Amino acid sequence: MSPLYRAANPVDLGLVTSLLEEAGIEYLIQGEGWNALFPGIQAAGFNESLVLVADPDLEPARALLRRAGLMAFEA
């Protein structure tokens, strides 16, 4: 699995996962529960969730996010 997108809030996370689901790209979310743990505190890196995709799906998923006007995570 490779990192695709770092979501700073639940709205961004929902948008990205909806796009991936519509395209049939499977994903995993790391740190999803942290957003609920400290609501209102929006410190960079603190409440973020990381969306991961399988290595073969990484480039198609990045292209999907670019078409949607979102910036994919670049490691």
C-alpha atoms as a PDB file:
ATOM      1  CA  MET A   1       0.000   0.000   0.000  1.00  0.00           C
ATOM      2  CA  SER A   2       1.180   3.493  -0.852  1.00  0.00           C
ATOM      3  CA  PRO A   3       0.040   6.865   0.510  1.00  0.00           C
ATOM      4  CA  LEU A   4      -2.275   8.720  -1.849  1.00  0.00           C
ATOM      5  CA  TYR A   5      -3.846  11.606   0.053  1.00  0.00           C
ATOM      6  CA  ARG A   6      -3.548  13.254   3.454  1.00  0.00           C
ATOM      7  CA  ALA A   7      -7.011  14.484   4.475  1.00  0.00           C
ATOM      8  CA  ALA A   8      -7.070  17.346   6.957  1.00  0.00           C
ATOM      9  CA  ASN A   9     -10.773  16.968   7.749  1.00  0.00           C
ATOM     10  CA  PRO A  10     -13.693  14.541   7.325  1.00  0.00           C
ATOM     11  CA  VAL A  11     -15.094  16.464   4.347  1.00  0.00           C
ATOM     12  CA  ASP A  12     -11.897  16.046   2.311  1.00  0.00           C
ATOM     13  CA  LEU A  13     -11.706  12.421   3.379  1.00  0.00           C
ATOM     14  CA  GLY A  14     -15.280  11.766   2.231  1.00  0.00           C
ATOM     15  CA  LEU A  15     -14.666  13.429  -1.126  1.00  0.00           C
ATOM     16  CA  VAL A  16     -11.535  11.409  -1.849  1.00  0.00           C
ATOM     17  CA  THR A  17     -13.013   8.092  -0.755  1.00  0.00           C
ATOM     18  CA  SER A  18     -16.153   8.732  -2.824  1.00  0.00           C
ATOM     19  CA  LEU A  19     -14.058   9.342  -5.919  1.00  0.00           C
ATOM     20  CA  LEU A  20     -12.054   6.175  -5.297  1.00  0.00           C
ATOM     21  CA  GLU A  21     -15.169   4.078  -4.713  1.00  0.00           C
ATOM     22  CA  GLU A  22     -16.790   5.385  -7.889  1.00  0.00           C
ATOM     23  CA  ALA A  23     -13.654   4.450  -9.849  1.00  0.00           C
ATOM     24  CA  GLY A  24     -13.520   0.995  -8.261  1.00  0.00           C
ATOM     25  CA  ILE A  25     -10.191   1.629  -6.524  1.00  0.00           C
ATOM     26  CA  GLU A  26      -9.846  -0.050  -3.140  1.00  0.00           C
ATOM     27  CA  TYR A  27      -8.314   1.984  -0.332  1.00  0.00           C
ATOM     28  CA  LEU A  28      -7.387   1.897   3.335  1.00  0.00           C
ATOM     29  CA  ILE A  29      -7.641   4.822   5.761  1.00  0.00           C
ATOM     30  CA  GLN A  30      -4.990   5.268   8.423  1.00  0.00           C
ATOM     31  CA  GLY A  31      -5.812   7.518  11.384  1.00  0.00           C
ATOM     32  CA  GLU A  32      -9.498   7.994  10.616  1.00  0.00           C
ATOM     33  CA  GLY A  33     -10.523   7.885  14.275  1.00  0.00           C
ATOM     34  CA  TRP A  34      -8.247  10.764  15.290  1.00  0.00           C
ATOM     35  CA  ASN A  35     -10.619  13.333  13.758  1.00  0.00           C
ATOM     36  CA  ALA A  36     -13.275  12.415  16.308  1.00  0.00           C
ATOM     37  CA  LEU A  37     -10.843  12.227  19.209  1.00  0.00           C
ATOM     38  CA  PHE A  38      -9.978  15.931  19.189  1.00  0.00           C
ATOM     39  CA  PRO A  39     -12.785  17.774  17.380  1.00  0.00           C
ATOM     40  CA  GLY A  40     -12.173  21.442  16.780  1.00  0.00           C
ATOM     41  CA  ILE A  41      -8.407  21.174  17.135  1.00  0.00           C
ATOM     42  CA  GLN A  42      -7.046  21.544  13.616  1.00  0.00           C
ATOM     43  CA  ALA A  43      -3.305  21.307  14.122  1.00  0.00           C
ATOM     44  CA  ALA A  44      -1.396  20.239  11.012  1.00  0.00           C
ATOM     45  CA  GLY A  45      -0.582  16.561  11.192  1.00  0.00           C
ATOM     46  CA  PHE A  46      -2.639  16.071  14.322  1.00  0.00           C
ATOM     47  CA  ASN A  47      -6.153  15.330  13.034  1.00  0.00           C
ATOM     48  CA  GLU A  48      -5.177  14.133   9.574  1.00  0.00           C
ATOM     49  CA  SER A  49      -6.116  10.839   7.961  1.00  0.00           C
ATOM     50  CA  LEU A  50      -3.947   9.134   5.372  1.00  0.00           C
ATOM     51  CA  VAL A  51      -5.597   7.401   2.410  1.00  0.00           C
ATOM     52  CA  LEU A  52      -3.591   4.442   1.096  1.00  0.00           C
ATOM     53  CA  VAL A  53      -4.080   2.503  -2.144  1.00  0.00           C
ATOM     54  CA  ALA A  54      -2.467  -0.613  -3.577  1.00  0.00           C
ATOM     55  CA  ASP A  55       0.770   0.087  -5.459  1.00  0.00           C
ATOM     56  CA  PRO A  56      -0.658  -0.799  -8.923  1.00  0.00           C
ATOM     57  CA  ASP A  57      -3.556   1.633  -8.330  1.00  0.00           C
ATOM     58  CA  LEU A  58      -1.392   4.546  -7.212  1.00  0.00           C
ATOM     59  CA  GLU A  59      -0.911   6.324 -10.549  1.00  0.00           C
ATOM     60  CA  PRO A  60      -4.537   5.895 -11.711  1.00  0.00           C
ATOM     61  CA  ALA A  61      -5.714   7.179  -8.306  1.00  0.00           C
ATOM     62  CA  ARG A  62      -3.370  10.193  -8.500  1.00  0.00           C
ATOM     63  CA  ALA A  63      -4.694  10.989 -11.970  1.00  0.00           C
ATOM     64  CA  LEU A  64      -8.254  10.743 -10.638  1.00  0.00           C
ATOM     65  CA  LEU A  65      -7.515  13.234  -7.866  1.00  0.00           C
ATOM     66  CA  ARG A  66      -5.763  15.613 -10.282  1.00  0.00           C
ATOM     67  CA  ARG A  67      -8.832  15.595 -12.554  1.00  0.00           C
ATOM     68  CA  ALA A  68     -10.946  16.465  -9.505  1.00  0.00           C
ATOM     69  CA  GLY A  69      -8.642  19.377  -8.641  1.00  0.00           C
ATOM     70  CA  LEU A  70      -7.129  17.703  -5.584  1.00  0.00           C
ATOM     71  CA  MET A  71      -3.439  17.333  -4.870  1.00  0.00           C
ATOM     72  CA  ALA A  72      -2.282  13.780  -4.201  1.00  0.00           C
ATOM     73  CA  PHE A  73       0.299  13.015  -1.517  1.00  0.00           C
ATOM     74  CA  GLU A  74       3.787  12.884  -2.996  1.00  0.00           C
ATOM     75  CA  ALA A  75       6.243  10.909  -0.883  1.00  0.00           C
END
